[in-house]
C-alpha atoms as a PDB file:
ATOM      1  CA  UNK A   1      -7.958   7.924  14.748  1.00  0.00           C
ATOM      2  CA  UNK A   2      -5.554   7.146  11.883  1.00  0.00           C
ATOM      3  CA  UNK A   3      -7.214   6.911   8.465  1.00  0.00           C
ATOM      4  CA  UNK A   4      -5.848   4.564   5.794  1.00  0.00           C
ATOM      5  CA  UNK A   5      -7.025   4.097   2.197  1.00  0.00           C
ATOM      6  CA  UNK A   6      -6.034   0.956   0.258  1.00  0.00           C
ATOM      7  CA  UNK A   7      -6.702   1.442  -3.467  1.00  0.00           C
ATOM      8  CA  UNK A   8      -8.093  -1.263  -5.738  1.00  0.00           C
ATOM      9  CA  UNK A   9      -7.924  -1.344  -9.536  1.00  0.00           C
ATOM     10  CA  UNK A  10      -8.901  -4.215 -11.815  1.00  0.00           C
ATOM     11  CA  UNK A  11      -6.134  -6.830 -11.687  1.00  0.00           C
ATOM     12  CA  UNK A  12      -4.757  -5.982  -8.208  1.00  0.00           C
ATOM     13  CA  UNK A  13      -2.817  -8.641  -6.286  1.00  0.00           C
ATOM     14  CA  UNK A  14      -5.377  -9.842  -3.766  1.00  0.00           C
ATOM     15  CA  UNK A  15      -3.139 -10.790  -0.846  1.00  0.00           C
ATOM     16  CA  UNK A  16      -1.264  -7.475  -1.080  1.00  0.00           C
ATOM     17  CA  UNK A  17      -4.523  -5.582  -0.522  1.00  0.00           C
ATOM     18  CA  UNK A  18      -6.313  -7.900   1.877  1.00  0.00           C
ATOM     19  CA  UNK A  19      -3.385  -8.649   4.220  1.00  0.00           C
ATOM     20  CA  UNK A  20      -2.748  -4.996   5.178  1.00  0.00           C
ATOM     21  CA  UNK A  21      -6.496  -4.381   5.561  1.00  0.00           C
ATOM     22  CA  UNK A  22      -6.927  -7.511   7.701  1.00  0.00           C
ATOM     23  CA  UNK A  23      -4.012  -6.739  10.016  1.00  0.00           C
ATOM     24  CA  UNK A  24      -4.832  -3.032  10.313  1.00  0.00           C
ATOM     25  CA  UNK A  25      -8.407  -3.916  11.232  1.00  0.00           C
ATOM     26  CA  UNK A  26      -7.073  -6.110  14.061  1.00  0.00           C
ATOM     27  CA  UNK A  27      -5.707  -2.998  15.756  1.00  0.00           C
ATOM     28  CA  UNK A  28      -7.768  -1.889  18.732  1.00  0.00           C
ATOM     29  CA  UNK A  29     -11.080  -0.343  17.702  1.00  0.00           C
ATOM     30  CA  UNK A  30     -10.942   3.419  17.356  1.00  0.00           C
ATOM     31  CA  UNK A  31      -7.207   3.532  16.570  1.00  0.00           C
ATOM     32  CA  UNK A  32      -7.063   2.845  12.810  1.00  0.00           C
ATOM     33  CA  UNK A  33      -9.836   3.246  10.232  1.00  0.00           C
ATOM     34  CA  UNK A  34      -8.869   1.413   7.027  1.00  0.00           C
ATOM     35  CA  UNK A  35     -11.000   1.428   3.898  1.00  0.00           C
ATOM     36  CA  UNK A  36     -10.746  -0.329   0.538  1.00  0.00           C
ATOM     37  CA  UNK A  37     -11.187   2.274  -2.209  1.00  0.00           C
ATOM     38  CA  UNK A  38     -12.097   1.421  -5.798  1.00  0.00           C
ATOM     39  CA  UNK A  39     -10.648   3.549  -8.599  1.00  0.00           C
ATOM     40  CA  UNK A  40     -12.857   1.782 -11.172  1.00  0.00           C
ATOM     41  CA  UNK A  41     -16.160   3.586 -10.661  1.00  0.00           C
ATOM     42  CA  UNK A  42     -17.648   0.330  -9.300  1.00  0.00           C
ATOM     43  CA  UNK A  43     -17.310  -1.016  -5.758  1.00  0.00           C
ATOM     44  CA  UNK A  44     -16.886  -4.573  -7.095  1.00  0.00           C
ATOM     45  CA  UNK A  45     -13.255  -4.961  -8.180  1.00  0.00           C
ATOM     46  CA  UNK A  46     -11.723  -8.194  -9.492  1.00  0.00           C
ATOM     47  CA  UNK A  47      -8.152  -9.045  -8.620  1.00  0.00           C
ATOM     48  CA  UNK A  48      -5.412 -10.644 -10.699  1.00  0.00           C
ATOM     49  CA  UNK A  49      -6.509 -14.140  -9.652  1.00  0.00           C
ATOM     50  CA  UNK A  50     -10.202 -13.721 -10.372  1.00  0.00           C
ATOM     51  CA  UNK A  51     -11.394 -12.959  -6.847  1.00  0.00           C
ATOM     52  CA  UNK A  52     -13.887 -10.094  -6.688  1.00  0.00           C
ATOM     53  CA  UNK A  53     -13.847  -7.801  -3.645  1.00  0.00           C
ATOM     54  CA  UNK A  54     -16.302  -5.125  -2.592  1.00  0.00           C
ATOM     55  CA  UNK A  55     -14.624  -1.826  -1.846  1.00  0.00           C
ATOM     56  CA  UNK A  56     -15.896   0.286   1.031  1.00  0.00           C
ATOM     57  CA  UNK A  57     -15.748   3.469  -1.029  1.00  0.00           C
ATOM     58  CA  UNK A  58     -15.368   4.750  -4.563  1.00  0.00           C
ATOM     59  CA  UNK A  59     -12.446   7.088  -5.233  1.00  0.00           C
ATOM     60  CA  UNK A  60     -14.920   9.929  -5.749  1.00  0.00           C
ATOM     61  CA  UNK A  61     -16.250   9.427  -2.188  1.00  0.00           C
ATOM     62  CA  UNK A  62     -12.982   9.795  -0.297  1.00  0.00           C
ATOM     63  CA  UNK A  63     -11.728  12.905   1.410  1.00  0.00           C
ATOM     64  CA  UNK A  64      -8.218  14.326   1.341  1.00  0.00           C
ATOM     65  CA  UNK A  65      -7.608  13.437   4.981  1.00  0.00           C
ATOM     66  CA  UNK A  66      -5.835  10.079   5.061  1.00  0.00           C
ATOM     67  CA  UNK A  67      -2.798   9.462   7.231  1.00  0.00           C
ATOM     68  CA  UNK A  68      -1.664   6.750   4.809  1.00  0.00           C
ATOM     69  CA  UNK A  69      -2.325   5.737   1.202  1.00  0.00           C
ATOM     70  CA  UNK A  70      -1.562   2.116   0.255  1.00  0.00           C
ATOM     71  CA  UNK A  71      -1.106   0.665  -3.234  1.00  0.00           C
ATOM     72  CA  UNK A  72      -1.234  -3.113  -3.739  1.00  0.00           C
ATOM     73  CA  UNK A  73       0.628  -4.449  -6.765  1.00  0.00           C
ATOM     74  CA  UNK A  74      -0.441  -7.026  -9.298  1.00  0.00           C
ATOM     75  CA  UNK A  75      -0.818  -6.749 -13.035  1.00  0.00           C
ATOM     76  CA  UNK A  76      -2.587  -5.092 -14.640  1.00  0.00           C
ATOM     77  CA  UNK A  77      -3.693  -3.574 -11.316  1.00  0.00           C
ATOM     78  CA  UNK A  78      -0.550  -1.501 -10.957  1.00  0.00           C
ATOM     79  CA  UNK A  79      -0.791  -0.001 -14.433  1.00  0.00           C
ATOM     80  CA  UNK A  80      -4.482   0.679 -13.833  1.00  0.00           C
ATOM     81  CA  UNK A  81      -3.616   2.562 -10.628  1.00  0.00           C
ATOM     82  CA  UNK A  82      -0.977   4.545 -12.515  1.00  0.00           C
ATOM     83  CA  UNK A  83      -3.515   5.510 -15.186  1.00  0.00           C
ATOM     84  CA  UNK A  84      -5.892   7.095 -12.646  1.00  0.00           C
ATOM     85  CA  UNK A  85      -5.146  10.850 -12.733  1.00  0.00           C
ATOM     86  CA  UNK A  86      -6.999  11.655  -9.511  1.00  0.00           C
ATOM     87  CA  UNK A  87      -5.019   9.028  -7.616  1.00  0.00           C
ATOM     88  CA  UNK A  88      -1.742  10.351  -9.045  1.00  0.00           C
ATOM     89  CA  UNK A  89      -2.596  13.861  -7.841  1.00  0.00           C
ATOM     90  CA  UNK A  90      -3.606  12.551  -4.406  1.00  0.00           C
ATOM     91  CA  UNK A  91      -0.380  10.525  -4.028  1.00  0.00           C
ATOM     92  CA  UNK A  92       1.784  13.538  -4.913  1.00  0.00           C
ATOM     93  CA  UNK A  93      -0.120  15.760  -2.467  1.00  0.00           C
ATOM     94  CA  UNK A  94       0.109  13.114   0.270  1.00  0.00           C
ATOM     95  CA  UNK A  95       3.848  12.780  -0.278  1.00  0.00           C
ATOM     96  CA  UNK A  96       4.396  16.561  -0.349  1.00  0.00           C
ATOM     97  CA  UNK A  97       2.348  16.941   2.843  1.00  0.00           C
ATOM     98  CA  UNK A  98       4.794  14.472   4.452  1.00  0.00           C
ATOM     99  CA  UNK A  99       2.076  11.902   5.095  1.00  0.00           C
ATOM    100  CA  UNK A 100       2.576   8.179   4.567  1.00  0.00           C
ATOM    101  CA  UNK A 101       2.630   6.652   1.078  1.00  0.00           C
ATOM    102  CA  UNK A 102       3.040   2.868   0.838  1.00  0.00           C
ATOM    103  CA  UNK A 103       3.275   0.451  -2.096  1.00  0.00           C
ATOM    104  CA  UNK A 104       4.028  -3.255  -2.444  1.00  0.00           C
ATOM    105  CA  UNK A 105       5.281  -5.582  -5.203  1.00  0.00           C
ATOM    106  CA  UNK A 106       4.871  -3.927  -8.628  1.00  0.00           C
ATOM    107  CA  UNK A 107       3.048  -0.872  -7.208  1.00  0.00           C
ATOM    108  CA  UNK A 108       6.224   1.047  -6.272  1.00  0.00           C
ATOM    109  CA  UNK A 109       6.485   1.633 -10.048  1.00  0.00           C
ATOM    110  CA  UNK A 110       3.613   4.123  -9.573  1.00  0.00           C
ATOM    111  CA  UNK A 111       5.729   5.983  -7.023  1.00  0.00           C
ATOM    112  CA  UNK A 112       8.677   5.844  -9.438  1.00  0.00           C
ATOM    113  CA  UNK A 113       6.617   7.299 -12.291  1.00  0.00           C
ATOM    114  CA  UNK A 114       5.408  10.134 -10.047  1.00  0.00           C
ATOM    115  CA  UNK A 115       8.911  11.025  -8.801  1.00  0.00           C
ATOM    116  CA  UNK A 116       8.073  10.026  -5.222  1.00  0.00           C
ATOM    117  CA  UNK A 117      11.043   7.650  -4.785  1.00  0.00           C
ATOM    118  CA  UNK A 118      13.564   9.954  -6.470  1.00  0.00           C
ATOM    119  CA  UNK A 119      16.664  10.056  -4.250  1.00  0.00           C
ATOM    120  CA  UNK A 120      15.166   7.612  -1.729  1.00  0.00           C
ATOM    121  CA  UNK A 121      15.793   3.995  -0.888  1.00  0.00           C
ATOM    122  CA  UNK A 122      12.990   1.805  -2.231  1.00  0.00           C
ATOM    123  CA  UNK A 123      12.275  -1.795  -3.157  1.00  0.00           C
ATOM    124  CA  UNK A 124      10.065  -3.428  -5.787  1.00  0.00           C
ATOM    125  CA  UNK A 125       9.308  -6.852  -7.248  1.00  0.00           C
ATOM    126  CA  UNK A 126      12.583  -8.416  -8.484  1.00  0.00           C
ATOM    127  CA  UNK A 127      13.297  -7.561 -12.114  1.00  0.00           C
ATOM    128  CA  UNK A 128      11.270  -4.331 -12.020  1.00  0.00           C
ATOM    129  CA  UNK A 129      13.947  -2.096 -10.513  1.00  0.00           C
ATOM    130  CA  UNK A 130      14.102   0.096 -13.649  1.00  0.00           C
ATOM    131  CA  UNK A 131      10.669   1.462 -12.702  1.00  0.00           C
ATOM    132  CA  UNK A 132      12.025   2.984  -9.480  1.00  0.00           C
ATOM    133  CA  UNK A 133      13.145   6.074 -11.387  1.00  0.00           C
ATOM    134  CA  UNK A 134      15.930   7.875  -9.538  1.00  0.00           C
ATOM    135  CA  UNK A 135      15.729   5.645  -6.461  1.00  0.00           C
ATOM    136  CA  UNK A 136      18.470   3.846  -4.612  1.00  0.00           C
ATOM    137  CA  UNK A 137      17.461   0.179  -4.865  1.00  0.00           C
ATOM    138  CA  UNK A 138      17.056  -1.694  -1.589  1.00  0.00           C
ATOM    139  CA  UNK A 139      16.991  -5.487  -1.316  1.00  0.00           C
ATOM    140  CA  UNK A 140      15.011  -5.350   1.940  1.00  0.00           C
ATOM    141  CA  UNK A 141      11.599  -7.025   2.170  1.00  0.00           C
ATOM    142  CA  UNK A 142      10.167  -3.750   3.459  1.00  0.00           C
ATOM    143  CA  UNK A 143      11.940  -0.443   3.003  1.00  0.00           C
ATOM    144  CA  UNK A 144      11.047   2.734   4.911  1.00  0.00           C
ATOM    145  CA  UNK A 145      12.596   5.991   3.765  1.00  0.00           C
ATOM    146  CA  UNK A 146      11.088   9.180   5.125  1.00  0.00           C
ATOM    147  CA  UNK A 147       7.320   9.005   4.590  1.00  0.00           C
ATOM    148  CA  UNK A 148       7.568   6.316   1.881  1.00  0.00           C
ATOM    149  CA  UNK A 149       7.198   2.573   2.512  1.00  0.00           C
ATOM    150  CA  UNK A 150       7.834   0.028  -0.230  1.00  0.00           C
ATOM    151  CA  UNK A 151       7.760  -3.744  -0.130  1.00  0.00           C
ATOM    152  CA  UNK A 152       8.929  -6.455  -2.480  1.00  0.00           C
ATOM    153  CA  UNK A 153       6.319  -9.089  -3.321  1.00  0.00           C
ATOM    154  CA  UNK A 154       3.175 -11.006  -2.299  1.00  0.00           C
ATOM    155  CA  UNK A 155       5.299 -13.037   0.119  1.00  0.00           C
ATOM    156  CA  UNK A 156       6.176  -9.861   2.016  1.00  0.00           C
ATOM    157  CA  UNK A 157       2.546  -8.815   2.590  1.00  0.00           C
ATOM    158  CA  UNK A 158       2.603  -9.710   6.300  1.00  0.00           C
ATOM    159  CA  UNK A 159       5.896  -7.896   7.094  1.00  0.00           C
ATOM    160  CA  UNK A 160       4.593  -4.957   5.010  1.00  0.00           C
ATOM    161  CA  UNK A 161       1.324  -4.852   6.967  1.00  0.00           C
ATOM    162  CA  UNK A 162       3.168  -5.113  10.279  1.00  0.00           C
ATOM    163  CA  UNK A 163       5.389  -2.175   9.261  1.00  0.00           C
ATOM    164  CA  UNK A 164       2.276  -0.127   8.463  1.00  0.00           C
ATOM    165  CA  UNK A 165       0.986  -0.849  11.981  1.00  0.00           C
ATOM    166  CA  UNK A 166       4.377   0.028  13.453  1.00  0.00           C
ATOM    167  CA  UNK A 167       4.561   3.466  11.808  1.00  0.00           C
ATOM    168  CA  UNK A 168       0.878   4.304  12.366  1.00  0.00           C
ATOM    169  CA  UNK A 169       0.464   2.960  15.899  1.00  0.00           C
ATOM    170  CA  UNK A 170       3.632   1.617  17.517  1.00  0.00           C
ATOM    171  CA  UNK A 171       6.313  -1.041  17.298  1.00  0.00           C
ATOM    172  CA  UNK A 172       4.892  -2.761  20.384  1.00  0.00           C
ATOM    173  CA  UNK A 173       1.444  -2.957  18.796  1.00  0.00           C
ATOM    174  CA  UNK A 174       2.931  -4.415  15.611  1.00  0.00           C
ATOM    175  CA  UNK A 175       4.642  -7.030  17.812  1.00  0.00           C
ATOM    176  CA  UNK A 176       1.315  -7.723  19.525  1.00  0.00           C
ATOM    177  CA  UNK A 177      -0.389  -8.380  16.159  1.00  0.00           C
ATOM    178  CA  UNK A 178       2.579 -10.490  15.016  1.00  0.00           C
ATOM    179  CA  UNK A 179       2.156 -12.724  18.084  1.00  0.00           C
ATOM    180  CA  UNK A 180      -1.629 -12.793  17.712  1.00  0.00           C
ATOM    181  CA  UNK A 181      -1.386 -14.189  14.179  1.00  0.00           C
ATOM    182  CA  UNK A 182       1.574 -16.436  15.136  1.00  0.00           C
ATOM    183  CA  UNK A 183       3.803 -14.982  12.439  1.00  0.00           C
ATOM    184  CA  UNK A 184       7.439 -16.055  12.509  1.00  0.00           C
ATOM    185  CA  UNK A 185       9.983 -14.663  10.074  1.00  0.00           C
ATOM    186  CA  UNK A 186      13.037 -16.512   8.879  1.00  0.00           C
END
């Protein structure tokens, strides 16, 4: 079973966290285990738009065994994720172990600050490109380069989530979920 952790900090962009969790949980039971993880020390975490979510786990409860780590954007959620030293260490280890690291909207700035996108193609919320330190800037909605996935904005949350399913499970399963939710791009 593939294990995925989606990290929540105060001020996260709600749809960028919930959409990947929702779509990943639609995958056949026993294939993907996705958990919301709070980095705040409290399972109740409030997003950028005042919606409070209950995380499944606290950061201190997770193991170093995830197949994918996912960072939703939002402000100040992104800067709060960046300030968490344990998460920074985990992201670097995950990247160095050639496991999946994914970030959407403003959150790729965390990957930029940690040197994870250095020399890679990456995308970020428009106007924040300077935070992708050393990266080649992509204009794609979702950009995959090696074991790093970045996405542009709240409006790309569904394509981002579908890409996560594609790399973790299969392209055909991502297509299955796309049809199930009646998602049409373009």
